[in-house]
Amino acid sequence: AVRVAAPALIGVYAGDAAKLSVRAALPRLA
């Protein structure tokens, strides 16, 4: 989560994956 998912989300949202909703931000994954 910390070393793979969170950095990857920076490239999309420039935001903190600990605050982004998986259902809203990554609905396909959910």
Full PDB file with SEQRES, HELIX, SHEET, SSBOND, CRYST1, ORIGX, SCALE, CONECT and MASTER records, all heavy atoms in Angstrom:
SEQRES   1 A   30  ALA VAL ARG VAL ALA ALA PRO ALA LEU ILE GLY VAL TYR          
SEQRES   2 A   30  ALA GLY ASP ALA ALA LYS LEU SER VAL ARG ALA ALA LEU          
SEQRES   3 A   30  PRO ARG LEU ALA                                              
HELIX    1 AA1 ALA A    5  TYR A   13  1                                   9    
HELIX    2 AA2 VAL A   22  ALA A   25  1                                   4    
CRYST1    1.000    1.000    1.000  90.00  90.00  90.00 P 1           1          
ORIGX1      1.000000  0.000000  0.000000        0.00000                         
ORIGX2      0.000000  1.000000  0.000000        0.00000                         
ORIGX3      0.000000  0.000000  1.000000        0.00000                         
SCALE1      1.000000  0.000000  0.000000        0.00000                         
SCALE2      0.000000  1.000000  0.000000        0.00000                         
SCALE3      0.000000  0.000000  1.000000        0.00000                         
ATOM      1  N   ALA A   1       0.827  -1.209   0.000  1.00  0.00           N  
ATOM      2  CA  ALA A   1       0.000   0.000   0.000  1.00  0.00           C  
ATOM      3  C   ALA A   1       0.859   1.257   0.000  1.00  0.00           C  
ATOM      4  O   ALA A   1       0.602   2.207  -0.754  1.00  0.00           O  
ATOM      5  CB  ALA A   1      -0.929  -0.005   1.210  1.00  0.00           C  
ATOM      6  N   VAL A   2       1.889   1.266   0.858  1.00  0.00           N  
ATOM      7  CA  VAL A   2       2.700   2.471   1.040  1.00  0.00           C  
ATOM      8  C   VAL A   2       3.729   2.640  -0.073  1.00  0.00           C  
ATOM      9  O   VAL A   2       3.989   3.755  -0.530  1.00  0.00           O  
ATOM     10  CB  VAL A   2       3.392   2.424   2.421  1.00  0.00           C  
ATOM     11  CG1 VAL A   2       4.386   3.567   2.573  1.00  0.00           C  
ATOM     12  CG2 VAL A   2       2.345   2.485   3.527  1.00  0.00           C  
ATOM     13  N   ARG A   3       4.313   1.530  -0.541  1.00  0.00           N  
ATOM     14  CA  ARG A   3       5.415   1.620  -1.495  1.00  0.00           C  
ATOM     15  C   ARG A   3       4.981   1.495  -2.952  1.00  0.00           C  
ATOM     16  O   ARG A   3       5.736   1.882  -3.837  1.00  0.00           O  
ATOM     17  CB  ARG A   3       6.464   0.545  -1.191  1.00  0.00           C  
ATOM     18  CG  ARG A   3       7.269   0.827   0.069  1.00  0.00           C  
ATOM     19  CD  ARG A   3       8.434  -0.127   0.207  1.00  0.00           C  
ATOM     20  NE  ARG A   3       9.458   0.441   1.070  1.00  0.00           N  
ATOM     21  CZ  ARG A   3      10.760   0.331   0.862  1.00  0.00           C  
ATOM     22  NH1 ARG A   3      11.197  -0.324  -0.205  1.00  0.00           N  
ATOM     23  NH2 ARG A   3      11.622   0.864   1.695  1.00  0.00           N  
ATOM     24  N   VAL A   4       3.793   0.961  -3.191  1.00  0.00           N  
ATOM     25  CA  VAL A   4       3.340   0.772  -4.569  1.00  0.00           C  
ATOM     26  C   VAL A   4       2.097   1.612  -4.862  1.00  0.00           C  
ATOM     27  O   VAL A   4       2.113   2.477  -5.739  1.00  0.00           O  
ATOM     28  CB  VAL A   4       3.052  -0.724  -4.853  1.00  0.00           C  
ATOM     29  CG1 VAL A   4       2.563  -0.898  -6.299  1.00  0.00           C  
ATOM     30  CG2 VAL A   4       4.296  -1.556  -4.610  1.00  0.00           C  
ATOM     31  N   ALA A   5       1.014   1.374  -4.133  1.00  0.00           N  
ATOM     32  CA  ALA A   5      -0.250   2.038  -4.446  1.00  0.00           C  
ATOM     33  C   ALA A   5      -0.194   3.544  -4.214  1.00  0.00           C  
ATOM     34  O   ALA A   5      -0.616   4.329  -5.077  1.00  0.00           O  
ATOM     35  CB  ALA A   5      -1.377   1.425  -3.630  1.00  0.00           C  
ATOM     36  N   ALA A   6       0.311   3.958  -3.064  1.00  0.00           N  
ATOM     37  CA  ALA A   6       0.315   5.388  -2.749  1.00  0.00           C  
ATOM     38  C   ALA A   6       1.145   6.197  -3.737  1.00  0.00           C  
ATOM     39  O   ALA A   6       0.680   7.230  -4.242  1.00  0.00           O  
ATOM     40  CB  ALA A   6       0.791   5.608  -1.312  1.00  0.00           C  
ATOM     41  N   PRO A   7       2.377   5.775  -4.084  1.00  0.00           N  
ATOM     42  CA  PRO A   7       3.119   6.532  -5.095  1.00  0.00           C  
ATOM     43  C   PRO A   7       2.430   6.537  -6.462  1.00  0.00           C  
ATOM     44  O   PRO A   7       2.454   7.546  -7.175  1.00  0.00           O  
ATOM     45  CB  PRO A   7       4.472   5.811  -5.150  1.00  0.00           C  
ATOM     46  CG  PRO A   7       4.610   5.145  -3.831  1.00  0.00           C  
ATOM     47  CD  PRO A   7       3.216   4.736  -3.456  1.00  0.00           C  
ATOM     48  N   ALA A   8       1.829   5.405  -6.850  1.00  0.00           N  
ATOM     49  CA  ALA A   8       1.151   5.357  -8.143  1.00  0.00           C  
ATOM     50  C   ALA A   8       0.033   6.386  -8.223  1.00  0.00           C  
ATOM     51  O   ALA A   8      -0.174   7.025  -9.265  1.00  0.00           O  
ATOM     52  CB  ALA A   8       0.604   3.954  -8.390  1.00  0.00           C  
ATOM     53  N   LEU A   9      -0.705   6.563  -7.123  1.00  0.00           N  
ATOM     54  CA  LEU A   9      -1.811   7.523  -7.127  1.00  0.00           C  
ATOM     55  C   LEU A   9      -1.328   8.963  -7.212  1.00  0.00           C  
ATOM     56  O   LEU A   9      -2.056   9.846  -7.682  1.00  0.00           O  
ATOM     57  CB  LEU A   9      -2.680   7.319  -5.898  1.00  0.00           C  
ATOM     58  CG  LEU A   9      -3.920   6.441  -6.105  1.00  0.00           C  
ATOM     59  CD1 LEU A   9      -4.930   7.161  -6.994  1.00  0.00           C  
ATOM     60  CD2 LEU A   9      -3.571   5.099  -6.722  1.00  0.00           C  
ATOM     61  N   ILE A  10      -0.107   9.219  -6.751  1.00  0.00           N  
ATOM     62  CA  ILE A  10       0.444  10.571  -6.875  1.00  0.00           C  
ATOM     63  C   ILE A  10       0.507  10.975  -8.339  1.00  0.00           C  
ATOM     64  O   ILE A  10       0.245  12.122  -8.699  1.00  0.00           O  
ATOM     65  CB  ILE A  10       1.833  10.649  -6.214  1.00  0.00           C  
ATOM     66  CG1 ILE A  10       1.705  10.533  -4.701  1.00  0.00           C  
ATOM     67  CG2 ILE A  10       2.551  11.951  -6.590  1.00  0.00           C  
ATOM     68  CD1 ILE A  10       3.023  10.430  -3.970  1.00  0.00           C  
ATOM     69  N   GLY A  11       0.838  10.021  -9.210  1.00  0.00           N  
ATOM     70  CA  GLY A  11       0.922  10.325 -10.630  1.00  0.00           C  
ATOM     71  C   GLY A  11      -0.407  10.627 -11.278  1.00  0.00           C  
ATOM     72  O   GLY A  11      -0.446  11.181 -12.385  1.00  0.00           O  
ATOM     73  N   VAL A  12      -1.509  10.297 -10.624  1.00  0.00           N  
ATOM     74  CA  VAL A  12      -2.846  10.548 -11.179  1.00  0.00           C  
ATOM     75  C   VAL A  12      -3.514  11.735 -10.493  1.00  0.00           C  
ATOM     76  O   VAL A  12      -4.004  12.660 -11.147  1.00  0.00           O  
ATOM     77  CB  VAL A  12      -3.740   9.299 -11.036  1.00  0.00           C  
ATOM     78  CG1 VAL A  12      -5.132   9.562 -11.598  1.00  0.00           C  
ATOM     79  CG2 VAL A  12      -3.100   8.103 -11.720  1.00  0.00           C  
ATOM     80  N   TYR A  13      -3.528  11.719  -9.169  1.00  0.00           N  
ATOM     81  CA  TYR A  13      -4.273  12.708  -8.395  1.00  0.00           C  
ATOM     82  C   TYR A  13      -3.404  13.772  -7.742  1.00  0.00           C  
ATOM     83  O   TYR A  13      -3.936  14.760  -7.222  1.00  0.00           O  
ATOM     84  CB  TYR A  13      -5.083  12.008  -7.296  1.00  0.00           C  
ATOM     85  CG  TYR A  13      -6.317  11.303  -7.805  1.00  0.00           C  
ATOM     86  CD1 TYR A  13      -6.266   9.967  -8.175  1.00  0.00           C  
ATOM     87  CD2 TYR A  13      -7.526  11.979  -7.930  1.00  0.00           C  
ATOM     88  CE1 TYR A  13      -7.397   9.310  -8.652  1.00  0.00           C  
ATOM     89  CE2 TYR A  13      -8.658  11.327  -8.398  1.00  0.00           C  
ATOM     90  CZ  TYR A  13      -8.587   9.995  -8.760  1.00  0.00           C  
ATOM     91  OH  TYR A  13      -9.709   9.354  -9.231  1.00  0.00           O  
ATOM     92  N   ALA A  14      -2.079  13.584  -7.740  1.00  0.00           N  
ATOM     93  CA  ALA A  14      -1.190  14.468  -6.977  1.00  0.00           C  
ATOM     94  C   ALA A  14      -1.689  14.584  -5.534  1.00  0.00           C  
ATOM     95  O   ALA A  14      -1.584  15.629  -4.898  1.00  0.00           O  
ATOM     96  CB  ALA A  14      -1.098  15.855  -7.610  1.00  0.00           C  
ATOM     97  N   GLY A  15      -2.249  13.473  -5.049  1.00  0.00           N  
ATOM     98  CA  GLY A  15      -2.887  13.502  -3.743  1.00  0.00           C  
ATOM     99  C   GLY A  15      -2.521  12.314  -2.879  1.00  0.00           C  
ATOM    100  O   GLY A  15      -1.800  11.395  -3.297  1.00  0.00           O  
ATOM    101  N   ASP A  16      -3.055  12.323  -1.679  1.00  0.00           N  
ATOM    102  CA  ASP A  16      -2.725  11.367  -0.641  1.00  0.00           C  
ATOM    103  C   ASP A  16      -3.662  10.166  -0.712  1.00  0.00           C  
ATOM    104  O   ASP A  16      -4.867  10.288  -0.435  1.00  0.00           O  
ATOM    105  CB  ASP A  16      -2.831  12.051   0.725  1.00  0.00           C  
ATOM    106  CG  ASP A  16      -2.336  11.192   1.868  1.00  0.00           C  
ATOM    107  OD1 ASP A  16      -2.097   9.995   1.656  1.00  0.00           O  
ATOM    108  OD2 ASP A  16      -2.199  11.736   2.979  1.00  0.00           O  
ATOM    109  N   ALA A  17      -3.122   8.999  -1.049  1.00  0.00           N  
ATOM    110  CA  ALA A  17      -3.940   7.798  -1.179  1.00  0.00           C  
ATOM    111  C   ALA A  17      -4.562   7.381   0.146  1.00  0.00           C  
ATOM    112  O   ALA A  17      -5.524   6.614   0.165  1.00  0.00           O  
ATOM    113  CB  ALA A  17      -3.104   6.651  -1.744  1.00  0.00           C  
ATOM    114  N   ALA A  18      -4.028   7.876   1.253  1.00  0.00           N  
ATOM    115  CA  ALA A  18      -4.626   7.576   2.557  1.00  0.00           C  
ATOM    116  C   ALA A  18      -5.910   8.367   2.783  1.00  0.00           C  
ATOM    117  O   ALA A  18      -6.661   8.081   3.717  1.00  0.00           O  
ATOM    118  CB  ALA A  18      -3.635   7.875   3.678  1.00  0.00           C  
ATOM    119  N   LYS A  19      -6.179   9.362   1.934  1.00  0.00           N  
ATOM    120  CA  LYS A  19      -7.391  10.171   2.063  1.00  0.00           C  
ATOM    121  C   LYS A  19      -8.356   9.980   0.898  1.00  0.00           C  
ATOM    122  O   LYS A  19      -9.496  10.453   0.962  1.00  0.00           O  
ATOM    123  CB  LYS A  19      -7.009  11.646   2.173  1.00  0.00           C  
ATOM    124  CG  LYS A  19      -6.176  11.971   3.400  1.00  0.00           C  
ATOM    125  CD  LYS A  19      -5.807  13.443   3.442  1.00  0.00           C  
ATOM    126  CE  LYS A  19      -4.987  13.772   4.678  1.00  0.00           C  
ATOM    127  NZ  LYS A  19      -4.562  15.196   4.711  1.00  0.00           N  
ATOM    128  N   LEU A  20      -7.911   9.317  -0.161  1.00  0.00           N  
ATOM    129  CA  LEU A  20      -8.755   9.132  -1.341  1.00  0.00           C  
ATOM    130  C   LEU A  20      -9.594   7.864  -1.195  1.00  0.00           C  
ATOM    131  O   LEU A  20      -9.114   6.824  -0.739  1.00  0.00           O  
ATOM    132  CB  LEU A  20      -7.896   9.040  -2.599  1.00  0.00           C  
ATOM    133  CG  LEU A  20      -7.069  10.285  -2.944  1.00  0.00           C  
ATOM    134  CD1 LEU A  20      -6.172  10.004  -4.145  1.00  0.00           C  
ATOM    135  CD2 LEU A  20      -7.980  11.476  -3.227  1.00  0.00           C  
ATOM    136  N   SER A  21     -10.842   7.948  -1.618  1.00  0.00           N  
ATOM    137  CA  SER A  21     -11.776   6.828  -1.551  1.00  0.00           C  
ATOM    138  C   SER A  21     -11.505   5.834  -2.667  1.00  0.00           C  
ATOM    139  O   SER A  21     -11.438   6.201  -3.842  1.00  0.00           O  
ATOM    140  CB  SER A  21     -13.204   7.349  -1.666  1.00  0.00           C  
ATOM    141  OG  SER A  21     -14.087   6.357  -2.150  1.00  0.00           O  
ATOM    142  N   VAL A  22     -11.393   4.549  -2.338  1.00  0.00           N  
ATOM    143  CA  VAL A  22     -11.161   3.557  -3.378  1.00  0.00           C  
ATOM    144  C   VAL A  22     -12.369   3.449  -4.297  1.00  0.00           C  
ATOM    145  O   VAL A  22     -12.226   3.262  -5.514  1.00  0.00           O  
ATOM    146  CB  VAL A  22     -10.786   2.187  -2.766  1.00  0.00           C  
ATOM    147  CG1 VAL A  22     -11.965   1.555  -2.028  1.00  0.00           C  
ATOM    148  CG2 VAL A  22     -10.268   1.241  -3.844  1.00  0.00           C  
ATOM    149  N   ARG A  23     -13.576   3.582  -3.756  1.00  0.00           N  
ATOM    150  CA  ARG A  23     -14.769   3.445  -4.604  1.00  0.00           C  
ATOM    151  C   ARG A  23     -14.963   4.640  -5.534  1.00  0.00           C  
ATOM    152  O   ARG A  23     -15.504   4.482  -6.630  1.00  0.00           O  
ATOM    153  CB  ARG A  23     -16.002   3.235  -3.733  1.00  0.00           C  
ATOM    154  CG  ARG A  23     -15.966   1.909  -3.003  1.00  0.00           C  
ATOM    155  CD  ARG A  23     -17.327   1.486  -2.500  1.00  0.00           C  
ATOM    156  NE  ARG A  23     -17.294   0.122  -2.007  1.00  0.00           N  
ATOM    157  CZ  ARG A  23     -18.361  -0.555  -1.620  1.00  0.00           C  
ATOM    158  NH1 ARG A  23     -19.544   0.019  -1.658  1.00  0.00           N  
ATOM    159  NH2 ARG A  23     -18.241  -1.790  -1.182  1.00  0.00           N  
ATOM    160  N   ALA A  24     -14.514   5.807  -5.108  1.00  0.00           N  
ATOM    161  CA  ALA A  24     -14.655   6.985  -5.953  1.00  0.00           C  
ATOM    162  C   ALA A  24     -13.464   7.166  -6.887  1.00  0.00           C  
ATOM    163  O   ALA A  24     -13.630   7.489  -8.060  1.00  0.00           O  
ATOM    164  CB  ALA A  24     -14.814   8.231  -5.084  1.00  0.00           C  
ATOM    165  N   ALA A  25     -12.252   6.954  -6.369  1.00  0.00           N  
ATOM    166  CA  ALA A  25     -11.054   7.233  -7.148  1.00  0.00           C  
ATOM    167  C   ALA A  25     -10.622   6.056  -8.015  1.00  0.00           C  
ATOM    168  O   ALA A  25     -10.063   6.246  -9.096  1.00  0.00           O  
ATOM    169  CB  ALA A  25      -9.907   7.630  -6.216  1.00  0.00           C  
ATOM    170  N   LEU A  26     -10.872   4.827  -7.541  1.00  0.00           N  
ATOM    171  CA  LEU A  26     -10.495   3.625  -8.302  1.00  0.00           C  
ATOM    172  C   LEU A  26     -11.678   2.654  -8.339  1.00  0.00           C  
ATOM    173  O   LEU A  26     -11.622   1.543  -7.803  1.00  0.00           O  
ATOM    174  CB  LEU A  26      -9.283   2.943  -7.657  1.00  0.00           C  
ATOM    175  CG  LEU A  26      -7.959   3.706  -7.693  1.00  0.00           C  
ATOM    176  CD1 LEU A  26      -6.878   2.917  -6.968  1.00  0.00           C  
ATOM    177  CD2 LEU A  26      -7.524   4.001  -9.123  1.00  0.00           C  
ATOM    178  N   PRO A  27     -12.768   3.056  -8.963  1.00  0.00           N  
ATOM    179  CA  PRO A  27     -13.974   2.213  -8.926  1.00  0.00           C  
ATOM    180  C   PRO A  27     -13.782   0.850  -9.570  1.00  0.00           C  
ATOM    181  O   PRO A  27     -14.396  -0.129  -9.146  1.00  0.00           O  
ATOM    182  CB  PRO A  27     -15.011   3.049  -9.679  1.00  0.00           C  
ATOM    183  CG  PRO A  27     -14.216   4.002 -10.522  1.00  0.00           C  
ATOM    184  CD  PRO A  27     -12.988   4.300  -9.727  1.00  0.00           C  
ATOM    185  N   ARG A  28     -12.921   0.743 -10.586  1.00  0.00           N  
ATOM    186  CA  ARG A  28     -12.711  -0.553 -11.234  1.00  0.00           C  
ATOM    187  C   ARG A  28     -12.020  -1.528 -10.279  1.00  0.00           C  
ATOM    188  O   ARG A  28     -12.300  -2.723 -10.290  1.00  0.00           O  
ATOM    189  CB  ARG A  28     -11.886  -0.375 -12.515  1.00  0.00           C  
ATOM    190  CG  ARG A  28     -12.619   0.420 -13.605  1.00  0.00           C  
ATOM    191  CD  ARG A  28     -11.709   0.641 -14.810  1.00  0.00           C  
ATOM    192  NE  ARG A  28     -12.334   1.493 -15.812  1.00  0.00           N  
ATOM    193  CZ  ARG A  28     -12.342   2.821 -15.761  1.00  0.00           C  
ATOM    194  NH1 ARG A  28     -11.757   3.439 -14.740  1.00  0.00           N  
ATOM    195  NH2 ARG A  28     -12.927   3.535 -16.703  1.00  0.00           N  
ATOM    196  N   LEU A  29     -11.096  -1.004  -9.481  1.00  0.00           N  
ATOM    197  CA  LEU A  29     -10.411  -1.864  -8.518  1.00  0.00           C  
ATOM    198  C   LEU A  29     -11.400  -2.379  -7.477  1.00  0.00           C  
ATOM    199  O   LEU A  29     -11.413  -3.575  -7.141  1.00  0.00           O  
ATOM    200  CB  LEU A  29      -9.285  -1.078  -7.846  1.00  0.00           C  
ATOM    201  CG  LEU A  29      -8.244  -1.897  -7.084  1.00  0.00           C  
ATOM    202  CD1 LEU A  29      -7.465  -2.786  -8.043  1.00  0.00           C  
ATOM    203  CD2 LEU A  29      -7.308  -0.978  -6.324  1.00  0.00           C  
ATOM    204  N   ALA A  30     -12.231  -1.496  -6.965  1.00  0.00           N  
ATOM    205  CA  ALA A  30     -13.246  -1.909  -5.999  1.00  0.00           C  
ATOM    206  C   ALA A  30     -14.207  -2.923  -6.618  1.00  0.00           C  
ATOM    207  O   ALA A  30     -14.654  -3.873  -5.951  1.00  0.00           O  
ATOM    208  CB  ALA A  30     -14.006  -0.692  -5.488  1.00  0.00           C  
TER     209      ALA A  30                                                      
MASTER        0    0    0    2    0    0    0    6  208    1    0    3          
END                                                                             
